[in-house]
All heavy atoms as atom14 arrays in JSON, in Angstrom:
{
  "sequence": "GALTQVINAVDRHDDVDYLYTDEDKVGDDGTFYGAFHKPDWSPERL",
  "atom14_mask": [
    [1, 1, 1, 1, 0, 0, 0, 0, 0, 0, 0, 0, 0, 0],
    [1, 1, 1, 1, 1, 0, 0, 0, 0, 0, 0, 0, 0, 0],
    [1, 1, 1, 1, 1, 1, 1, 1, 0, 0, 0, 0, 0, 0],
    [1, 1, 1, 1, 1, 1, 1, 0, 0, 0, 0, 0, 0, 0],
    [1, 1, 1, 1, 1, 1, 1, 1, 1, 0, 0, 0, 0, 0],
    [1, 1, 1, 1, 1, 1, 1, 0, 0, 0, 0, 0, 0, 0],
    [1, 1, 1, 1, 1, 1, 1, 1, 0, 0, 0, 0, 0, 0],
    [1, 1, 1, 1, 1, 1, 1, 1, 0, 0, 0, 0, 0, 0],
    [1, 1, 1, 1, 1, 0, 0, 0, 0, 0, 0, 0, 0, 0],
    [1, 1, 1, 1, 1, 1, 1, 0, 0, 0, 0, 0, 0, 0],
    [1, 1, 1, 1, 1, 1, 1, 1, 0, 0, 0, 0, 0, 0],
    [1, 1, 1, 1, 1, 1, 1, 1, 1, 1, 1, 0, 0, 0],
    [1, 1, 1, 1, 1, 1, 1, 1, 1, 1, 0, 0, 0, 0],
    [1, 1, 1, 1, 1, 1, 1, 1, 0, 0, 0, 0, 0, 0],
    [1, 1, 1, 1, 1, 1, 1, 1, 0, 0, 0, 0, 0, 0],
    [1, 1, 1, 1, 1, 1, 1, 0, 0, 0, 0, 0, 0, 0],
    [1, 1, 1, 1, 1, 1, 1, 1, 0, 0, 0, 0, 0, 0],
    [1, 1, 1, 1, 1, 1, 1, 1, 1, 1, 1, 1, 0, 0],
    [1, 1, 1, 1, 1, 1, 1, 1, 0, 0, 0, 0, 0, 0],
    [1, 1, 1, 1, 1, 1, 1, 1, 1, 1, 1, 1, 0, 0],
    [1, 1, 1, 1, 1, 1, 1, 0, 0, 0, 0, 0, 0, 0],
    [1, 1, 1, 1, 1, 1, 1, 1, 0, 0, 0, 0, 0, 0],
    [1, 1, 1, 1, 1, 1, 1, 1, 1, 0, 0, 0, 0, 0],
    [1, 1, 1, 1, 1, 1, 1, 1, 0, 0, 0, 0, 0, 0],
    [1, 1, 1, 1, 1, 1, 1, 1, 1, 0, 0, 0, 0, 0],
    [1, 1, 1, 1, 1, 1, 1, 0, 0, 0, 0, 0, 0, 0],
    [1, 1, 1, 1, 0, 0, 0, 0, 0, 0, 0, 0, 0, 0],
    [1, 1, 1, 1, 1, 1, 1, 1, 0, 0, 0, 0, 0, 0],
    [1, 1, 1, 1, 1, 1, 1, 1, 0, 0, 0, 0, 0, 0],
    [1, 1, 1, 1, 0, 0, 0, 0, 0, 0, 0, 0, 0, 0],
    [1, 1, 1, 1, 1, 1, 1, 0, 0, 0, 0, 0, 0, 0],
    [1, 1, 1, 1, 1, 1, 1, 1, 1, 1, 1, 0, 0, 0],
    [1, 1, 1, 1, 1, 1, 1, 1, 1, 1, 1, 1, 0, 0],
    [1, 1, 1, 1, 0, 0, 0, 0, 0, 0, 0, 0, 0, 0],
    [1, 1, 1, 1, 1, 0, 0, 0, 0, 0, 0, 0, 0, 0],
    [1, 1, 1, 1, 1, 1, 1, 1, 1, 1, 1, 0, 0, 0],
    [1, 1, 1, 1, 1, 1, 1, 1, 1, 1, 0, 0, 0, 0],
    [1, 1, 1, 1, 1, 1, 1, 1, 1, 0, 0, 0, 0, 0],
    [1, 1, 1, 1, 1, 1, 1, 0, 0, 0, 0, 0, 0, 0],
    [1, 1, 1, 1, 1, 1, 1, 1, 0, 0, 0, 0, 0, 0],
    [1, 1, 1, 1, 1, 1, 1, 1, 1, 1, 1, 1, 1, 1],
    [1, 1, 1, 1, 1, 1, 0, 0, 0, 0, 0, 0, 0, 0],
    [1, 1, 1, 1, 1, 1, 1, 0, 0, 0, 0, 0, 0, 0],
    [1, 1, 1, 1, 1, 1, 1, 1, 1, 0, 0, 0, 0, 0],
    [1, 1, 1, 1, 1, 1, 1, 1, 1, 1, 1, 0, 0, 0],
    [1, 1, 1, 1, 1, 1, 1, 1, 0, 0, 0, 0, 0, 0]
  ],
  "atom14_positions": [
    [[71.07, 8.61, -54.02], [71.24, 7.36, -53.27], [70.61, 7.37, -51.91], [70.89, 6.49, -51.08], [0.0, 0.0, 0.0], [0.0, 0.0, 0.0], [0.0, 0.0, 0.0], [0.0, 0.0, 0.0], [0.0, 0.0, 0.0], [0.0, 0.0, 0.0], [0.0, 0.0, 0.0], [0.0, 0.0, 0.0], [0.0, 0.0, 0.0], [0.0, 0.0, 0.0]],
    [[69.71, 8.34, -51.63], [69.16, 8.5, -50.28], [68.42, 7.25, -49.81], [68.68, 6.73, -48.72], [68.24, 9.72, -50.24], [0.0, 0.0, 0.0], [0.0, 0.0, 0.0], [0.0, 0.0, 0.0], [0.0, 0.0, 0.0], [0.0, 0.0, 0.0], [0.0, 0.0, 0.0], [0.0, 0.0, 0.0], [0.0, 0.0, 0.0], [0.0, 0.0, 0.0]],
    [[67.5, 6.75, -50.61], [66.7, 5.61, -50.16], [67.52, 4.33, -50.06], [67.25, 3.48, -49.21], [65.51, 5.41, -51.11], [64.49, 6.56, -51.15], [63.31, 6.2, -52.04], [64.02, 6.94, -49.75], [0.0, 0.0, 0.0], [0.0, 0.0, 0.0], [0.0, 0.0, 0.0], [0.0, 0.0, 0.0], [0.0, 0.0, 0.0], [0.0, 0.0, 0.0]],
    [[68.55, 4.2, -50.9], [69.44, 3.05, -50.77], [70.17, 3.07, -49.44], [70.28, 2.05, -48.75], [70.46, 3.04, -51.93], [69.76, 2.84, -53.15], [71.49, 1.93, -51.75], [0.0, 0.0, 0.0], [0.0, 0.0, 0.0], [0.0, 0.0, 0.0], [0.0, 0.0, 0.0], [0.0, 0.0, 0.0], [0.0, 0.0, 0.0], [0.0, 0.0, 0.0]],
    [[70.68, 4.25, -49.06], [71.37, 4.37, -47.77], [70.43, 4.04, -46.61], [70.82, 3.37, -45.64], [71.92, 5.79, -47.61], [73.02, 6.15, -48.58], [74.39, 5.93, -47.98], [74.6, 4.97, -47.23], [75.32, 6.8, -48.3], [0.0, 0.0, 0.0], [0.0, 0.0, 0.0], [0.0, 0.0, 0.0], [0.0, 0.0, 0.0], [0.0, 0.0, 0.0]],
    [[69.2, 4.5, -46.72], [68.25, 4.27, -45.64], [67.88, 2.79, -45.56], [67.84, 2.2, -44.47], [67.0, 5.14, -45.83], [65.91, 4.74, -44.83], [67.34, 6.62, -45.65], [0.0, 0.0, 0.0], [0.0, 0.0, 0.0], [0.0, 0.0, 0.0], [0.0, 0.0, 0.0], [0.0, 0.0, 0.0], [0.0, 0.0, 0.0], [0.0, 0.0, 0.0]],
    [[67.62, 2.16, -46.71], [67.21, 0.76, -46.67], [68.35, -0.12, -46.19], [68.13, -1.15, -45.53], [66.67, 0.29, -48.04], [65.76, -0.93, -47.85], [67.8, -0.03, -49.0], [64.51, -0.66, -47.07], [0.0, 0.0, 0.0], [0.0, 0.0, 0.0], [0.0, 0.0, 0.0], [0.0, 0.0, 0.0], [0.0, 0.0, 0.0], [0.0, 0.0, 0.0]],
    [[69.59, 0.27, -46.49], [70.73, -0.48, -45.96], [70.75, -0.44, -44.44], [71.04, -1.44, -43.77], [72.03, 0.08, -46.52], [72.24, -0.26, -47.98], [71.6, -1.18, -48.52], [73.12, 0.47, -48.66], [0.0, 0.0, 0.0], [0.0, 0.0, 0.0], [0.0, 0.0, 0.0], [0.0, 0.0, 0.0], [0.0, 0.0, 0.0], [0.0, 0.0, 0.0]],
    [[70.43, 0.74, -43.86], [70.37, 0.86, -42.41], [69.21, 0.05, -41.84], [69.34, -0.59, -40.78], [70.23, 2.33, -42.01], [0.0, 0.0, 0.0], [0.0, 0.0, 0.0], [0.0, 0.0, 0.0], [0.0, 0.0, 0.0], [0.0, 0.0, 0.0], [0.0, 0.0, 0.0], [0.0, 0.0, 0.0], [0.0, 0.0, 0.0], [0.0, 0.0, 0.0]],
    [[68.08, 0.05, -42.54], [66.94, -0.76, -42.1], [67.29, -2.23, -42.09], [66.96, -2.98, -41.15], [65.72, -0.49, -43.02], [64.61, -1.5, -42.73], [65.2, 0.93, -42.83], [0.0, 0.0, 0.0], [0.0, 0.0, 0.0], [0.0, 0.0, 0.0], [0.0, 0.0, 0.0], [0.0, 0.0, 0.0], [0.0, 0.0, 0.0], [0.0, 0.0, 0.0]],
    [[67.98, -2.68, -43.13], [68.34, -4.09, -43.22], [69.34, -4.5, -42.13], [69.39, -5.67, -41.74], [68.92, -4.39, -44.61], [67.85, -4.33, -45.7], [66.66, -4.38, -45.36], [68.22, -4.2, -46.89], [0.0, 0.0, 0.0], [0.0, 0.0, 0.0], [0.0, 0.0, 0.0], [0.0, 0.0, 0.0], [0.0, 0.0, 0.0], [0.0, 0.0, 0.0]],
    [[70.13, -3.54, -41.64], [71.07, -3.86, -40.56], [70.37, -3.9, -39.2], [70.87, -4.54, -38.26], [72.2, -2.82, -40.51], [73.19, -2.92, -41.65], [74.42, -2.06, -41.38], [74.11, -0.65, -41.27], [74.1, 0.21, -42.29], [74.39, -0.24, -43.51], [73.82, 1.48, -42.1], [0.0, 0.0, 0.0], [0.0, 0.0, 0.0], [0.0, 0.0, 0.0]],
    [[69.22, -3.22, -39.09], [68.52, -3.12, -37.81], [67.03, -3.34, -38.07], [66.28, -2.38, -38.32], [68.73, -1.75, -37.16], [70.16, -1.36, -37.01], [71.01, -1.91, -36.08], [70.92, -0.45, -37.7], [72.2, -1.37, -36.17], [72.19, -0.49, -37.14], [0.0, 0.0, 0.0], [0.0, 0.0, 0.0], [0.0, 0.0, 0.0], [0.0, 0.0, 0.0]],
    [[66.58, -4.57, -37.96], [65.18, -4.84, -38.32], [64.19, -4.31, -37.28], [62.98, -4.37, -37.5], [64.96, -6.33, -38.57], [65.29, -7.19, -37.35], [65.61, -6.63, -36.27], [65.26, -8.43, -37.48], [0.0, 0.0, 0.0], [0.0, 0.0, 0.0], [0.0, 0.0, 0.0], [0.0, 0.0, 0.0], [0.0, 0.0, 0.0], [0.0, 0.0, 0.0]],
    [[64.7, -3.79, -36.15], [63.81, -3.22, -35.14], [63.79, -1.7, -35.17], [63.23, -1.07, -34.26], [64.21, -3.71, -33.75], [65.62, -3.3, -33.35], [66.41, -2.89, -34.24], [65.96, -3.4, -32.15], [0.0, 0.0, 0.0], [0.0, 0.0, 0.0], [0.0, 0.0, 0.0], [0.0, 0.0, 0.0], [0.0, 0.0, 0.0], [0.0, 0.0, 0.0]],
    [[64.36, -1.09, -36.19], [64.41, 0.37, -36.24], [63.02, 0.92, -36.55], [62.31, 0.43, -37.41], [65.44, 0.86, -37.28], [65.08, 0.42, -38.69], [65.58, 2.38, -37.23], [0.0, 0.0, 0.0], [0.0, 0.0, 0.0], [0.0, 0.0, 0.0], [0.0, 0.0, 0.0], [0.0, 0.0, 0.0], [0.0, 0.0, 0.0], [0.0, 0.0, 0.0]],
    [[62.63, 1.94, -35.8], [61.33, 2.59, -36.0], [61.47, 4.03, -36.47], [60.48, 4.63, -36.91], [60.52, 2.55, -34.71], [60.05, 1.14, -34.36], [59.76, 0.37, -35.3], [60.0, 0.8, -33.16], [0.0, 0.0, 0.0], [0.0, 0.0, 0.0], [0.0, 0.0, 0.0], [0.0, 0.0, 0.0], [0.0, 0.0, 0.0], [0.0, 0.0, 0.0]],
    [[62.65, 4.6, -36.36], [62.87, 5.97, -36.84], [64.31, 6.11, -37.3], [65.23, 5.65, -36.62], [62.56, 6.99, -35.73], [62.81, 8.43, -36.14], [62.2, 8.97, -37.27], [63.66, 9.25, -35.4], [62.43, 10.28, -37.65], [63.89, 10.57, -35.77], [63.27, 11.08, -36.9], [63.51, 12.38, -37.28], [0.0, 0.0, 0.0], [0.0, 0.0, 0.0]],
    [[64.48, 6.69, -38.48], [65.81, 7.0, -39.01], [65.84, 8.46, -39.44], [64.82, 9.02, -39.9], [66.14, 6.13, -40.23], [66.02, 4.61, -40.09], [64.65, 4.15, -40.58], [67.11, 3.9, -40.9], [0.0, 0.0, 0.0], [0.0, 0.0, 0.0], [0.0, 0.0, 0.0], [0.0, 0.0, 0.0], [0.0, 0.0, 0.0], [0.0, 0.0, 0.0]],
    [[67.0, 9.07, -39.28], [67.19, 10.42, -39.8], [68.59, 10.53, -40.39], [69.48, 9.74, -40.06], [66.98, 11.48, -38.71], [67.96, 11.42, -37.56], [69.09, 12.25, -37.52], [67.77, 10.54, -36.5], [69.98, 12.19, -36.46], [68.66, 10.48, -35.44], [69.76, 11.3, -35.42], [70.65, 11.25, -34.39], [0.0, 0.0, 0.0], [0.0, 0.0, 0.0]],
    [[68.77, 11.5, -41.29], [70.03, 11.65, -41.99], [70.56, 13.06, -41.83], [69.88, 13.96, -41.31], [69.86, 11.36, -43.49], [69.27, 12.51, -44.14], [68.98, 10.14, -43.74], [0.0, 0.0, 0.0], [0.0, 0.0, 0.0], [0.0, 0.0, 0.0], [0.0, 0.0, 0.0], [0.0, 0.0, 0.0], [0.0, 0.0, 0.0], [0.0, 0.0, 0.0]],
    [[71.78, 13.28, -42.29], [72.33, 14.63, -42.34], [71.69, 15.39, -43.49], [71.02, 14.8, -44.36], [73.84, 14.58, -42.5], [74.54, 13.95, -41.29], [73.88, 13.78, -40.25], [75.73, 13.63, -41.41], [0.0, 0.0, 0.0], [0.0, 0.0, 0.0], [0.0, 0.0, 0.0], [0.0, 0.0, 0.0], [0.0, 0.0, 0.0], [0.0, 0.0, 0.0]],
    [[71.88, 16.7, -43.52], [71.24, 17.53, -44.53], [72.11, 18.74, -44.84], [73.05, 19.06, -44.1], [69.87, 18.0, -44.05], [69.95, 18.92, -42.82], [68.58, 19.28, -42.26], [68.01, 18.47, -41.51], [68.1, 20.4, -42.57], [0.0, 0.0, 0.0], [0.0, 0.0, 0.0], [0.0, 0.0, 0.0], [0.0, 0.0, 0.0], [0.0, 0.0, 0.0]],
    [[71.81, 19.39, -45.95], [72.39, 20.7, -46.23], [71.33, 21.56, -46.89], [70.14, 21.18, -46.94], [73.67, 20.59, -47.07], [73.44, 20.01, -48.46], [72.26, 19.9, -48.88], [74.42, 19.67, -49.14], [0.0, 0.0, 0.0], [0.0, 0.0, 0.0], [0.0, 0.0, 0.0], [0.0, 0.0, 0.0], [0.0, 0.0, 0.0], [0.0, 0.0, 0.0]],
    [[71.72, 22.72, -47.37], [70.79, 23.64, -48.03], [71.17, 23.78, -49.5], [72.34, 23.59, -49.88], [70.79, 25.0, -47.34], [70.31, 24.98, -45.9], [70.27, 26.38, -45.33], [69.71, 26.39, -43.91], [70.59, 25.71, -42.95], [0.0, 0.0, 0.0], [0.0, 0.0, 0.0], [0.0, 0.0, 0.0], [0.0, 0.0, 0.0], [0.0, 0.0, 0.0]],
    [[70.2, 24.12, -50.32], [70.45, 24.38, -51.73], [69.88, 25.75, -52.08], [68.72, 26.05, -51.76], [69.85, 23.28, -52.63], [68.36, 23.08, -52.39], [70.14, 23.56, -54.09], [0.0, 0.0, 0.0], [0.0, 0.0, 0.0], [0.0, 0.0, 0.0], [0.0, 0.0, 0.0], [0.0, 0.0, 0.0], [0.0, 0.0, 0.0], [0.0, 0.0, 0.0]],
    [[70.7, 26.59, -52.67], [70.29, 27.94, -53.03], [69.6, 28.0, -54.38], [69.51, 27.0, -55.11], [0.0, 0.0, 0.0], [0.0, 0.0, 0.0], [0.0, 0.0, 0.0], [0.0, 0.0, 0.0], [0.0, 0.0, 0.0], [0.0, 0.0, 0.0], [0.0, 0.0, 0.0], [0.0, 0.0, 0.0], [0.0, 0.0, 0.0], [0.0, 0.0, 0.0]],
    [[69.12, 29.19, -54.74], [68.44, 29.38, -56.02], [69.33, 29.04, -57.2], [68.85, 28.65, -58.27], [67.96, 30.83, -56.15], [66.79, 31.13, -55.22], [66.09, 30.17, -54.84], [66.59, 32.31, -54.88], [0.0, 0.0, 0.0], [0.0, 0.0, 0.0], [0.0, 0.0, 0.0], [0.0, 0.0, 0.0], [0.0, 0.0, 0.0], [0.0, 0.0, 0.0]],
    [[70.65, 29.19, -57.02], [71.58, 28.91, -58.1], [72.04, 27.46, -58.13], [72.92, 27.09, -58.91], [72.81, 29.84, -58.01], [73.58, 29.65, -56.7], [73.12, 28.86, -55.84], [74.63, 30.31, -56.55], [0.0, 0.0, 0.0], [0.0, 0.0, 0.0], [0.0, 0.0, 0.0], [0.0, 0.0, 0.0], [0.0, 0.0, 0.0], [0.0, 0.0, 0.0]],
    [[71.45, 26.63, -57.26], [71.8, 25.23, -57.23], [73.01, 24.89, -56.39], [73.43, 23.73, -56.34], [0.0, 0.0, 0.0], [0.0, 0.0, 0.0], [0.0, 0.0, 0.0], [0.0, 0.0, 0.0], [0.0, 0.0, 0.0], [0.0, 0.0, 0.0], [0.0, 0.0, 0.0], [0.0, 0.0, 0.0], [0.0, 0.0, 0.0], [0.0, 0.0, 0.0]],
    [[73.56, 25.88, -55.71], [74.73, 25.65, -54.86], [74.32, 25.0, -53.55], [73.36, 25.42, -52.9], [75.45, 26.98, -54.57], [75.85, 27.58, -55.79], [76.67, 26.75, -53.69], [0.0, 0.0, 0.0], [0.0, 0.0, 0.0], [0.0, 0.0, 0.0], [0.0, 0.0, 0.0], [0.0, 0.0, 0.0], [0.0, 0.0, 0.0], [0.0, 0.0, 0.0]],
    [[75.07, 23.98, -53.14], [74.82, 23.31, -51.86], [75.73, 23.91, -50.79], [76.93, 24.12, -51.02], [75.08, 21.81, -51.98], [74.24, 21.13, -53.03], [74.84, 20.49, -54.1], [72.86, 21.16, -52.95], [74.07, 19.88, -55.08], [72.09, 20.55, -53.92], [72.69, 19.91, -55.0], [0.0, 0.0, 0.0], [0.0, 0.0, 0.0], [0.0, 0.0, 0.0]],
    [[75.18, 24.19, -49.63], [75.94, 24.81, -48.55], [75.29, 24.48, -47.21], [74.23, 23.89, -47.14], [76.02, 26.32, -48.75], [74.69, 27.04, -48.6], [74.35, 27.68, -47.41], [73.76, 27.07, -49.64], [73.14, 28.33, -47.25], [72.54, 27.72, -49.49], [72.24, 28.34, -48.31], [71.03, 28.98, -48.15], [0.0, 0.0, 0.0], [0.0, 0.0, 0.0]],
    [[75.97, 24.9, -46.13], [75.39, 24.78, -44.79], [75.14, 23.37, -44.33], [74.12, 23.09, -43.68], [0.0, 0.0, 0.0], [0.0, 0.0, 0.0], [0.0, 0.0, 0.0], [0.0, 0.0, 0.0], [0.0, 0.0, 0.0], [0.0, 0.0, 0.0], [0.0, 0.0, 0.0], [0.0, 0.0, 0.0], [0.0, 0.0, 0.0], [0.0, 0.0, 0.0]],
    [[76.06, 22.46, -44.63], [75.85, 21.06, -44.24], [75.72, 20.93, -42.72], [76.49, 21.51, -41.96], [77.01, 20.21, -44.75], [0.0, 0.0, 0.0], [0.0, 0.0, 0.0], [0.0, 0.0, 0.0], [0.0, 0.0, 0.0], [0.0, 0.0, 0.0], [0.0, 0.0, 0.0], [0.0, 0.0, 0.0], [0.0, 0.0, 0.0], [0.0, 0.0, 0.0]],
    [[74.73, 20.18, -42.29], [74.5, 19.9, -40.88], [74.82, 18.42, -40.66], [74.03, 17.54, -40.98], [73.05, 20.2, -40.52], [72.7, 20.03, -39.06], [73.68, 19.8, -38.08], [71.38, 20.1, -38.64], [73.35, 19.65, -36.75], [71.04, 19.94, -37.3], [72.02, 19.71, -36.36], [0.0, 0.0, 0.0], [0.0, 0.0, 0.0], [0.0, 0.0, 0.0]],
    [[76.01, 18.17, -40.1], [76.42, 16.82, -39.76], [75.95, 16.55, -38.34], [76.55, 17.02, -37.37], [77.93, 16.68, -39.9], [78.41, 16.89, -41.3], [78.21, 15.97, -42.3], [79.05, 17.95, -41.88], [78.72, 16.43, -43.43], [79.22, 17.62, -43.21], [0.0, 0.0, 0.0], [0.0, 0.0, 0.0], [0.0, 0.0, 0.0], [0.0, 0.0, 0.0]],
    [[74.88, 15.82, -38.21], [74.14, 15.72, -36.97], [74.76, 14.74, -35.99], [75.54, 13.86, -36.38], [72.7, 15.3, -37.28], [71.99, 16.27, -38.21], [70.64, 15.75, -38.66], [70.03, 16.69, -39.7], [68.76, 16.15, -40.24], [0.0, 0.0, 0.0], [0.0, 0.0, 0.0], [0.0, 0.0, 0.0], [0.0, 0.0, 0.0], [0.0, 0.0, 0.0]],
    [[74.42, 14.87, -34.73], [74.87, 13.88, -33.74], [74.08, 12.59, -33.89], [73.0, 12.56, -34.5], [74.55, 14.56, -32.41], [73.38, 15.43, -32.72], [73.6, 15.95, -34.12], [0.0, 0.0, 0.0], [0.0, 0.0, 0.0], [0.0, 0.0, 0.0], [0.0, 0.0, 0.0], [0.0, 0.0, 0.0], [0.0, 0.0, 0.0], [0.0, 0.0, 0.0]],
    [[74.62, 11.52, -33.33], [73.82, 10.31, -33.18], [72.67, 10.6, -32.24], [72.57, 11.69, -31.64], [74.7, 9.16, -32.68], [75.62, 8.61, -33.78], [75.42, 8.97, -34.95], [76.53, 7.83, -33.44], [0.0, 0.0, 0.0], [0.0, 0.0, 0.0], [0.0, 0.0, 0.0], [0.0, 0.0, 0.0], [0.0, 0.0, 0.0], [0.0, 0.0, 0.0]],
    [[71.78, 9.66, -32.1], [70.52, 9.87, -31.39], [70.73, 10.61, -30.07], [71.47, 10.18, -29.2], [69.84, 8.54, -31.16], [68.59, 8.58, -30.34], [68.26, 7.76, -29.3], [67.47, 9.48, -30.49], [67.02, 8.08, -28.79], [66.51, 9.13, -29.5], [67.18, 10.54, -31.36], [65.3, 9.8, -29.36], [65.98, 11.21, -31.22], [65.06, 10.84, -30.23]],
    [[70.06, 11.76, -29.98], [70.24, 12.69, -28.88], [68.87, 13.17, -28.4], [68.4, 14.24, -28.79], [71.1, 13.88, -29.35], [71.36, 14.79, -28.31], [0.0, 0.0, 0.0], [0.0, 0.0, 0.0], [0.0, 0.0, 0.0], [0.0, 0.0, 0.0], [0.0, 0.0, 0.0], [0.0, 0.0, 0.0], [0.0, 0.0, 0.0], [0.0, 0.0, 0.0]],
    [[68.18, 12.37, -27.56], [66.82, 12.75, -27.15], [66.74, 14.07, -26.41], [65.75, 14.79, -26.53], [66.39, 11.57, -26.27], [67.65, 10.86, -25.89], [68.6, 11.07, -27.02], [0.0, 0.0, 0.0], [0.0, 0.0, 0.0], [0.0, 0.0, 0.0], [0.0, 0.0, 0.0], [0.0, 0.0, 0.0], [0.0, 0.0, 0.0], [0.0, 0.0, 0.0]],
    [[67.78, 14.41, -25.64], [67.76, 15.69, -24.95], [67.82, 16.84, -25.94], [67.13, 17.85, -25.78], [68.92, 15.77, -23.96], [68.92, 17.05, -23.12], [67.77, 17.15, -22.15], [67.13, 16.12, -21.86], [67.51, 18.26, -21.65], [0.0, 0.0, 0.0], [0.0, 0.0, 0.0], [0.0, 0.0, 0.0], [0.0, 0.0, 0.0], [0.0, 0.0, 0.0]],
    [[68.63, 16.68, -26.97], [68.72, 17.74, -27.98], [67.39, 17.9, -28.73], [67.0, 19.03, -29.08], [69.84, 17.43, -28.97], [70.02, 18.54, -30.0], [71.34, 18.42, -30.73], [71.53, 19.57, -31.6], [72.7, 19.91, -32.13], [73.78, 19.2, -31.86], [72.8, 20.96, -32.91], [0.0, 0.0, 0.0], [0.0, 0.0, 0.0], [0.0, 0.0, 0.0]],
    [[66.69, 16.81, -28.97], [65.41, 16.89, -29.67], [64.4, 17.71, -28.87], [63.49, 18.3, -29.44], [64.86, 15.49, -29.96], [63.64, 15.43, -30.86], [63.95, 15.95, -32.26], [63.08, 14.01, -30.95], [0.0, 0.0, 0.0], [0.0, 0.0, 0.0], [0.0, 0.0, 0.0], [0.0, 0.0, 0.0], [0.0, 0.0, 0.0], [0.0, 0.0, 0.0]]
  ]
}
């Protein structure tokens, strides 16, 4: 559902020029781990 979530955000903000999402890692065995729940826009952190 990644692109659906993104397009929903685009439709809410027609002036958006950059979007980013949270992420995690996937191992060789298919296990998902290490979720990074990111802050809202943080230019100093970037």
